[in-house]
């Protein structure tokens, strides 16, 4: 973490079931922790999906520290529950109307406070 916030990277495994390649012209996203929007952004980074293949898109996210402070009461409980997260957004297809068509995505999950601290440990040393 820095004075700017907590940098995260969400890795999205994209699959192209089509027999033709797909070129993506970037994406937009929003990231939530415990139902609260804590980051949003966009990129014009291209991603190429081979026919019948896969590619990984890495979405850099900077969570602002004030948003994390809202989680402190939850984390300070004797046995804190898992923290829910969600990332949603869309990729723009280059082949359709020059990138105007947006293909949405949404992923949800949970992370325990212990797992979260394990992820932070390299930053705290």
N, C-alpha and C. Protein backbone atom coordinates (compact mmCIF):
# COMPACT_ATOMS: atom_id res chain seq x y z
N UNK A 1 0.82 -1.20 0.00
CA UNK A 1 0.00 0.00 0.00
C UNK A 1 0.86 1.26 0.00
N UNK A 2 0.31 2.33 -0.52
CA UNK A 2 0.99 3.61 -0.56
C UNK A 2 0.02 4.68 -0.09
N UNK A 3 0.47 5.93 -0.09
CA UNK A 3 -0.43 7.02 0.30
C UNK A 3 -1.58 7.17 -0.71
N UNK A 4 -1.39 6.65 -1.91
CA UNK A 4 -2.44 6.70 -2.93
C UNK A 4 -3.53 5.66 -2.70
N UNK A 5 -3.17 4.50 -2.14
CA UNK A 5 -4.15 3.44 -1.93
C UNK A 5 -3.49 2.07 -1.96
N UNK A 6 -4.32 1.06 -2.10
CA UNK A 6 -3.86 -0.33 -2.11
C UNK A 6 -3.93 -0.85 -3.53
N UNK A 7 -2.77 -1.12 -4.16
CA UNK A 7 -2.80 -1.62 -5.54
C UNK A 7 -3.13 -3.11 -5.57
N UNK A 8 -4.06 -3.47 -6.42
CA UNK A 8 -4.46 -4.85 -6.64
C UNK A 8 -4.40 -5.13 -8.14
N UNK A 9 -4.31 -6.38 -8.49
CA UNK A 9 -4.44 -6.78 -9.89
C UNK A 9 -5.45 -7.92 -9.94
N UNK A 10 -6.47 -7.76 -10.76
CA UNK A 10 -7.44 -8.81 -10.98
C UNK A 10 -7.07 -9.46 -12.30
N UNK A 11 -6.87 -10.78 -12.29
CA UNK A 11 -6.56 -11.51 -13.51
C UNK A 11 -7.82 -12.20 -14.00
N UNK A 12 -8.22 -11.89 -15.21
CA UNK A 12 -9.42 -12.48 -15.80
C UNK A 12 -9.01 -13.44 -16.91
N UNK A 13 -9.41 -14.70 -16.79
CA UNK A 13 -9.15 -15.69 -17.82
C UNK A 13 -10.30 -15.61 -18.83
N UNK A 14 -9.98 -15.19 -20.05
CA UNK A 14 -10.99 -15.02 -21.09
C UNK A 14 -10.92 -16.19 -22.05
N UNK A 15 -12.06 -16.72 -22.45
CA UNK A 15 -12.12 -17.85 -23.37
C UNK A 15 -12.89 -17.44 -24.61
N UNK A 16 -12.34 -17.80 -25.76
CA UNK A 16 -12.99 -17.53 -27.05
C UNK A 16 -13.48 -18.85 -27.61
N UNK A 17 -14.79 -19.12 -27.56
CA UNK A 17 -15.33 -20.38 -28.09
C UNK A 17 -15.49 -20.34 -29.62
N UNK A 18 -15.24 -19.20 -30.23
CA UNK A 18 -15.45 -19.03 -31.68
C UNK A 18 -14.30 -19.60 -32.49
N UNK A 19 -14.56 -19.84 -33.76
CA UNK A 19 -13.52 -20.36 -34.66
C UNK A 19 -12.69 -19.23 -35.28
N UNK A 20 -12.99 -18.00 -34.91
CA UNK A 20 -12.24 -16.85 -35.40
C UNK A 20 -11.65 -16.09 -34.21
N UNK A 21 -10.51 -15.43 -34.42
CA UNK A 21 -9.93 -14.67 -33.30
C UNK A 21 -10.80 -13.48 -32.94
N UNK A 22 -10.67 -13.04 -31.71
CA UNK A 22 -11.36 -11.84 -31.24
C UNK A 22 -10.32 -10.86 -30.73
N UNK A 23 -10.43 -9.62 -31.17
CA UNK A 23 -9.55 -8.57 -30.67
C UNK A 23 -10.37 -7.63 -29.80
N UNK A 24 -9.90 -7.45 -28.57
CA UNK A 24 -10.56 -6.56 -27.63
C UNK A 24 -9.78 -5.26 -27.56
N UNK A 25 -10.50 -4.15 -27.57
CA UNK A 25 -9.86 -2.82 -27.57
C UNK A 25 -9.88 -2.16 -26.21
N UNK A 26 -9.79 -2.93 -25.17
CA UNK A 26 -9.76 -2.35 -23.85
C UNK A 26 -10.98 -2.75 -23.03
N UNK A 27 -11.10 -2.15 -21.87
CA UNK A 27 -12.15 -2.53 -20.94
C UNK A 27 -12.45 -1.38 -19.98
N UNK A 28 -13.57 -1.52 -19.29
CA UNK A 28 -13.89 -0.66 -18.16
C UNK A 28 -14.26 -1.58 -17.00
N UNK A 29 -14.17 -1.09 -15.77
CA UNK A 29 -14.47 -1.94 -14.62
C UNK A 29 -14.91 -1.10 -13.43
N UNK A 30 -15.53 -1.80 -12.49
CA UNK A 30 -15.82 -1.25 -11.17
C UNK A 30 -15.56 -2.37 -10.17
N UNK A 31 -14.99 -2.04 -9.01
CA UNK A 31 -14.60 -3.01 -8.00
C UNK A 31 -15.31 -2.68 -6.69
N UNK A 32 -15.93 -3.69 -6.07
CA UNK A 32 -16.66 -3.51 -4.82
C UNK A 32 -16.06 -4.40 -3.74
N UNK A 33 -16.03 -3.88 -2.51
CA UNK A 33 -15.72 -4.65 -1.31
C UNK A 33 -16.90 -4.50 -0.37
N UNK A 34 -17.45 -5.62 0.08
CA UNK A 34 -18.60 -5.60 0.98
C UNK A 34 -19.72 -4.71 0.45
N UNK A 35 -19.96 -4.78 -0.85
CA UNK A 35 -21.05 -4.04 -1.47
C UNK A 35 -20.79 -2.57 -1.69
N UNK A 36 -19.60 -2.08 -1.32
CA UNK A 36 -19.27 -0.66 -1.49
C UNK A 36 -18.29 -0.51 -2.66
N UNK A 37 -18.64 0.37 -3.59
CA UNK A 37 -17.75 0.64 -4.72
C UNK A 37 -16.50 1.33 -4.20
N UNK A 38 -15.33 0.71 -4.46
CA UNK A 38 -14.08 1.26 -3.95
C UNK A 38 -13.10 1.65 -5.05
N UNK A 39 -13.39 1.27 -6.29
CA UNK A 39 -12.49 1.65 -7.39
C UNK A 39 -13.22 1.44 -8.71
N UNK A 40 -12.85 2.28 -9.68
CA UNK A 40 -13.37 2.10 -11.04
C UNK A 40 -12.36 2.70 -12.00
N UNK A 41 -12.41 2.22 -13.22
CA UNK A 41 -11.46 2.72 -14.20
C UNK A 41 -11.68 2.11 -15.56
N UNK A 42 -10.76 2.42 -16.47
CA UNK A 42 -10.85 1.94 -17.85
C UNK A 42 -9.45 1.86 -18.44
N UNK A 43 -9.32 1.07 -19.48
CA UNK A 43 -8.05 0.94 -20.18
C UNK A 43 -8.32 0.71 -21.66
N UNK A 44 -7.37 1.12 -22.46
CA UNK A 44 -7.46 0.87 -23.90
C UNK A 44 -6.46 -0.22 -24.31
N UNK A 45 -5.94 -0.97 -23.32
CA UNK A 45 -4.98 -2.03 -23.59
C UNK A 45 -5.64 -3.14 -24.41
N UNK A 46 -5.07 -3.47 -25.57
CA UNK A 46 -5.69 -4.51 -26.40
C UNK A 46 -5.42 -5.91 -25.85
N UNK A 47 -6.35 -6.82 -26.12
CA UNK A 47 -6.22 -8.23 -25.77
C UNK A 47 -6.62 -9.03 -26.99
N UNK A 48 -5.79 -10.01 -27.38
CA UNK A 48 -6.11 -10.88 -28.52
C UNK A 48 -6.49 -12.25 -28.00
N UNK A 49 -7.69 -12.71 -28.41
CA UNK A 49 -8.15 -14.04 -28.05
C UNK A 49 -8.06 -14.93 -29.28
N UNK A 50 -7.20 -15.95 -29.26
CA UNK A 50 -7.07 -16.83 -30.42
C UNK A 50 -8.34 -17.67 -30.60
N UNK A 51 -8.57 -18.17 -31.81
CA UNK A 51 -9.74 -19.01 -32.06
C UNK A 51 -9.74 -20.23 -31.13
N UNK A 52 -10.83 -20.46 -30.44
CA UNK A 52 -10.94 -21.60 -29.54
C UNK A 52 -9.94 -21.57 -28.40
N UNK A 53 -9.35 -20.42 -28.13
CA UNK A 53 -8.29 -20.34 -27.13
C UNK A 53 -8.63 -19.43 -25.97
N UNK A 54 -7.60 -19.14 -25.19
CA UNK A 54 -7.76 -18.32 -24.00
C UNK A 54 -6.66 -17.27 -23.93
N UNK A 55 -6.94 -16.23 -23.16
CA UNK A 55 -5.94 -15.20 -22.87
C UNK A 55 -6.26 -14.66 -21.47
N UNK A 56 -5.23 -14.17 -20.81
CA UNK A 56 -5.41 -13.57 -19.49
C UNK A 56 -5.32 -12.06 -19.63
N UNK A 57 -6.33 -11.38 -19.12
CA UNK A 57 -6.31 -9.91 -19.08
C UNK A 57 -6.06 -9.51 -17.63
N UNK A 58 -5.06 -8.70 -17.41
CA UNK A 58 -4.74 -8.23 -16.06
C UNK A 58 -5.28 -6.81 -15.90
N UNK A 59 -6.15 -6.65 -14.92
CA UNK A 59 -6.80 -5.36 -14.67
C UNK A 59 -6.19 -4.75 -13.40
N UNK A 60 -5.38 -3.69 -13.56
CA UNK A 60 -4.83 -3.04 -12.36
C UNK A 60 -5.89 -2.17 -11.69
N UNK A 61 -5.98 -2.30 -10.37
CA UNK A 61 -6.98 -1.57 -9.60
C UNK A 61 -6.27 -0.89 -8.43
N UNK A 62 -6.59 0.36 -8.18
CA UNK A 62 -6.06 1.07 -7.02
C UNK A 62 -7.23 1.39 -6.09
N UNK A 63 -7.29 0.67 -4.96
CA UNK A 63 -8.35 0.89 -3.97
C UNK A 63 -7.91 2.03 -3.07
N UNK A 64 -8.70 3.08 -2.99
CA UNK A 64 -8.39 4.24 -2.15
C UNK A 64 -8.45 3.86 -0.67
N UNK A 65 -7.51 4.33 0.11
CA UNK A 65 -7.43 3.97 1.53
C UNK A 65 -8.69 4.31 2.34
N UNK A 66 -9.37 5.44 2.09
CA UNK A 66 -10.60 5.69 2.86
C UNK A 66 -11.65 4.59 2.69
N UNK A 67 -11.69 3.97 1.54
CA UNK A 67 -12.64 2.87 1.33
C UNK A 67 -12.28 1.67 2.19
N UNK A 68 -10.98 1.43 2.38
CA UNK A 68 -10.54 0.32 3.21
C UNK A 68 -10.82 0.58 4.68
N UNK A 69 -10.76 1.84 5.08
CA UNK A 69 -11.02 2.18 6.49
C UNK A 69 -12.43 1.78 6.89
N UNK A 70 -13.36 1.81 5.96
CA UNK A 70 -14.73 1.40 6.25
C UNK A 70 -14.83 -0.07 6.61
N UNK A 71 -13.82 -0.87 6.27
CA UNK A 71 -13.83 -2.30 6.59
C UNK A 71 -13.24 -2.60 7.97
N UNK A 72 -12.60 -1.61 8.60
CA UNK A 72 -11.95 -1.86 9.88
C UNK A 72 -12.87 -2.45 10.96
N UNK A 73 -14.10 -1.94 11.14
CA UNK A 73 -14.96 -2.54 12.17
C UNK A 73 -15.21 -4.03 11.92
N UNK A 74 -15.34 -4.40 10.66
CA UNK A 74 -15.55 -5.80 10.31
C UNK A 74 -14.30 -6.62 10.63
N UNK A 75 -13.13 -6.08 10.30
CA UNK A 75 -11.87 -6.79 10.48
C UNK A 75 -11.45 -6.89 11.94
N UNK A 76 -11.94 -5.99 12.79
CA UNK A 76 -11.56 -5.98 14.20
C UNK A 76 -12.41 -6.89 15.08
N UNK A 77 -13.37 -7.58 14.48
CA UNK A 77 -14.18 -8.53 15.23
C UNK A 77 -13.29 -9.69 15.69
N UNK A 78 -13.63 -10.37 16.81
CA UNK A 78 -12.82 -11.49 17.28
C UNK A 78 -12.60 -12.57 16.21
N UNK A 79 -13.64 -12.90 15.49
CA UNK A 79 -13.52 -13.85 14.38
C UNK A 79 -14.15 -13.21 13.16
N UNK A 80 -13.37 -12.40 12.42
CA UNK A 80 -13.94 -11.67 11.29
C UNK A 80 -14.43 -12.61 10.19
N UNK A 81 -15.59 -12.29 9.62
CA UNK A 81 -16.12 -13.11 8.53
C UNK A 81 -15.36 -12.84 7.23
N UNK A 82 -15.54 -13.70 6.22
CA UNK A 82 -14.92 -13.43 4.91
C UNK A 82 -15.45 -12.11 4.33
N UNK A 83 -14.61 -11.47 3.55
CA UNK A 83 -14.97 -10.21 2.90
C UNK A 83 -15.40 -10.52 1.47
N UNK A 84 -16.57 -10.02 1.12
CA UNK A 84 -17.08 -10.23 -0.24
C UNK A 84 -16.49 -9.20 -1.19
N UNK A 85 -16.14 -9.65 -2.39
CA UNK A 85 -15.67 -8.73 -3.42
C UNK A 85 -16.40 -9.02 -4.73
N UNK A 86 -16.40 -8.04 -5.59
CA UNK A 86 -17.01 -8.18 -6.91
C UNK A 86 -16.29 -7.25 -7.87
N UNK A 87 -16.03 -7.74 -9.05
CA UNK A 87 -15.49 -6.89 -10.11
C UNK A 87 -16.41 -7.09 -11.32
N UNK A 88 -16.80 -5.99 -11.92
CA UNK A 88 -17.69 -6.04 -13.08
C UNK A 88 -17.26 -4.97 -14.06
N UNK A 89 -17.57 -5.19 -15.30
CA UNK A 89 -17.24 -4.21 -16.33
C UNK A 89 -17.54 -4.77 -17.70
N UNK A 90 -16.76 -4.36 -18.67
CA UNK A 90 -16.97 -4.84 -20.02
C UNK A 90 -15.74 -4.65 -20.89
N UNK A 91 -15.60 -5.56 -21.84
CA UNK A 91 -14.55 -5.47 -22.86
C UNK A 91 -15.19 -4.97 -24.14
N UNK A 92 -14.42 -4.21 -24.94
CA UNK A 92 -14.92 -3.69 -26.22
C UNK A 92 -14.34 -4.51 -27.36
N UNK A 93 -15.23 -5.02 -28.23
CA UNK A 93 -14.82 -5.82 -29.38
C UNK A 93 -14.39 -4.92 -30.54
N UNK A 94 -13.16 -5.11 -31.01
CA UNK A 94 -12.62 -4.29 -32.10
C UNK A 94 -13.35 -4.57 -33.41
N UNK A 95 -13.76 -5.82 -33.62
CA UNK A 95 -14.35 -6.23 -34.89
C UNK A 95 -15.75 -5.68 -35.14
N UNK A 96 -16.43 -5.28 -34.08
CA UNK A 96 -17.83 -4.86 -34.22
C UNK A 96 -17.94 -3.36 -33.99
N UNK A 97 -18.25 -2.63 -35.04
CA UNK A 97 -18.45 -1.19 -34.98
C UNK A 97 -17.26 -0.46 -34.35
N UNK A 98 -16.06 -0.92 -34.66
CA UNK A 98 -14.86 -0.23 -34.21
C UNK A 98 -14.69 -0.14 -32.70
N UNK A 99 -15.15 -1.15 -31.99
CA UNK A 99 -14.98 -1.17 -30.54
C UNK A 99 -16.13 -0.59 -29.76
N UNK A 100 -17.23 -0.28 -30.43
CA UNK A 100 -18.38 0.30 -29.72
C UNK A 100 -19.21 -0.74 -28.99
N UNK A 101 -19.10 -2.02 -29.41
CA UNK A 101 -19.87 -3.07 -28.75
C UNK A 101 -19.12 -3.52 -27.51
N UNK A 102 -19.83 -3.54 -26.39
CA UNK A 102 -19.25 -3.88 -25.09
C UNK A 102 -19.77 -5.24 -24.64
N UNK A 103 -18.83 -6.16 -24.30
CA UNK A 103 -19.18 -7.48 -23.78
C UNK A 103 -18.99 -7.44 -22.27
N UNK A 104 -20.07 -7.56 -21.50
CA UNK A 104 -19.96 -7.40 -20.05
C UNK A 104 -19.37 -8.63 -19.36
N UNK A 105 -18.79 -8.39 -18.17
CA UNK A 105 -18.32 -9.47 -17.31
C UNK A 105 -18.64 -9.10 -15.86
N UNK A 106 -18.75 -10.13 -15.01
CA UNK A 106 -18.99 -9.93 -13.58
C UNK A 106 -18.48 -11.16 -12.85
N UNK A 107 -17.64 -10.94 -11.84
CA UNK A 107 -17.10 -12.01 -11.02
C UNK A 107 -17.28 -11.63 -9.56
N UNK A 108 -17.61 -12.63 -8.74
CA UNK A 108 -17.79 -12.42 -7.31
C UNK A 108 -17.01 -13.47 -6.54
N UNK A 109 -16.67 -13.14 -5.33
CA UNK A 109 -15.99 -14.10 -4.49
C UNK A 109 -15.85 -13.58 -3.08
N UNK A 110 -15.13 -14.33 -2.27
CA UNK A 110 -14.86 -13.93 -0.90
C UNK A 110 -13.41 -14.22 -0.58
N UNK A 111 -12.86 -13.45 0.34
CA UNK A 111 -11.51 -13.67 0.83
C UNK A 111 -11.57 -13.52 2.35
N UNK A 112 -10.90 -14.42 3.04
CA UNK A 112 -10.88 -14.31 4.51
C UNK A 112 -9.87 -13.23 4.89
N UNK A 113 -10.05 -12.62 6.06
CA UNK A 113 -9.06 -11.63 6.51
C UNK A 113 -7.64 -12.21 6.56
N UNK A 114 -7.50 -13.49 6.94
CA UNK A 114 -6.18 -14.13 6.98
C UNK A 114 -5.56 -14.17 5.58
N UNK A 115 -6.36 -14.54 4.58
CA UNK A 115 -5.86 -14.55 3.20
C UNK A 115 -5.48 -13.15 2.76
N UNK A 116 -6.28 -12.17 3.15
CA UNK A 116 -5.99 -10.79 2.79
C UNK A 116 -4.69 -10.31 3.41
N UNK A 117 -4.47 -10.66 4.68
CA UNK A 117 -3.21 -10.28 5.34
C UNK A 117 -2.02 -10.98 4.70
N UNK A 118 -2.21 -12.24 4.27
CA UNK A 118 -1.13 -12.95 3.58
C UNK A 118 -0.76 -12.24 2.28
N UNK A 119 -1.75 -11.68 1.60
CA UNK A 119 -1.49 -10.94 0.36
C UNK A 119 -0.78 -9.62 0.66
N UNK A 120 -1.09 -9.01 1.81
CA UNK A 120 -0.48 -7.73 2.18
C UNK A 120 0.93 -7.89 2.76
N UNK A 121 1.24 -9.07 3.29
CA UNK A 121 2.50 -9.28 4.01
C UNK A 121 3.73 -8.76 3.26
N UNK A 122 3.88 -8.98 1.94
CA UNK A 122 5.08 -8.45 1.25
C UNK A 122 5.19 -6.92 1.32
N UNK A 123 4.06 -6.22 1.43
CA UNK A 123 4.07 -4.77 1.50
C UNK A 123 4.39 -4.26 2.90
N UNK A 124 4.21 -5.10 3.91
CA UNK A 124 4.36 -4.68 5.29
C UNK A 124 5.76 -4.91 5.84
N UNK A 125 6.62 -5.55 5.09
CA UNK A 125 7.98 -5.85 5.57
C UNK A 125 8.94 -4.73 5.28
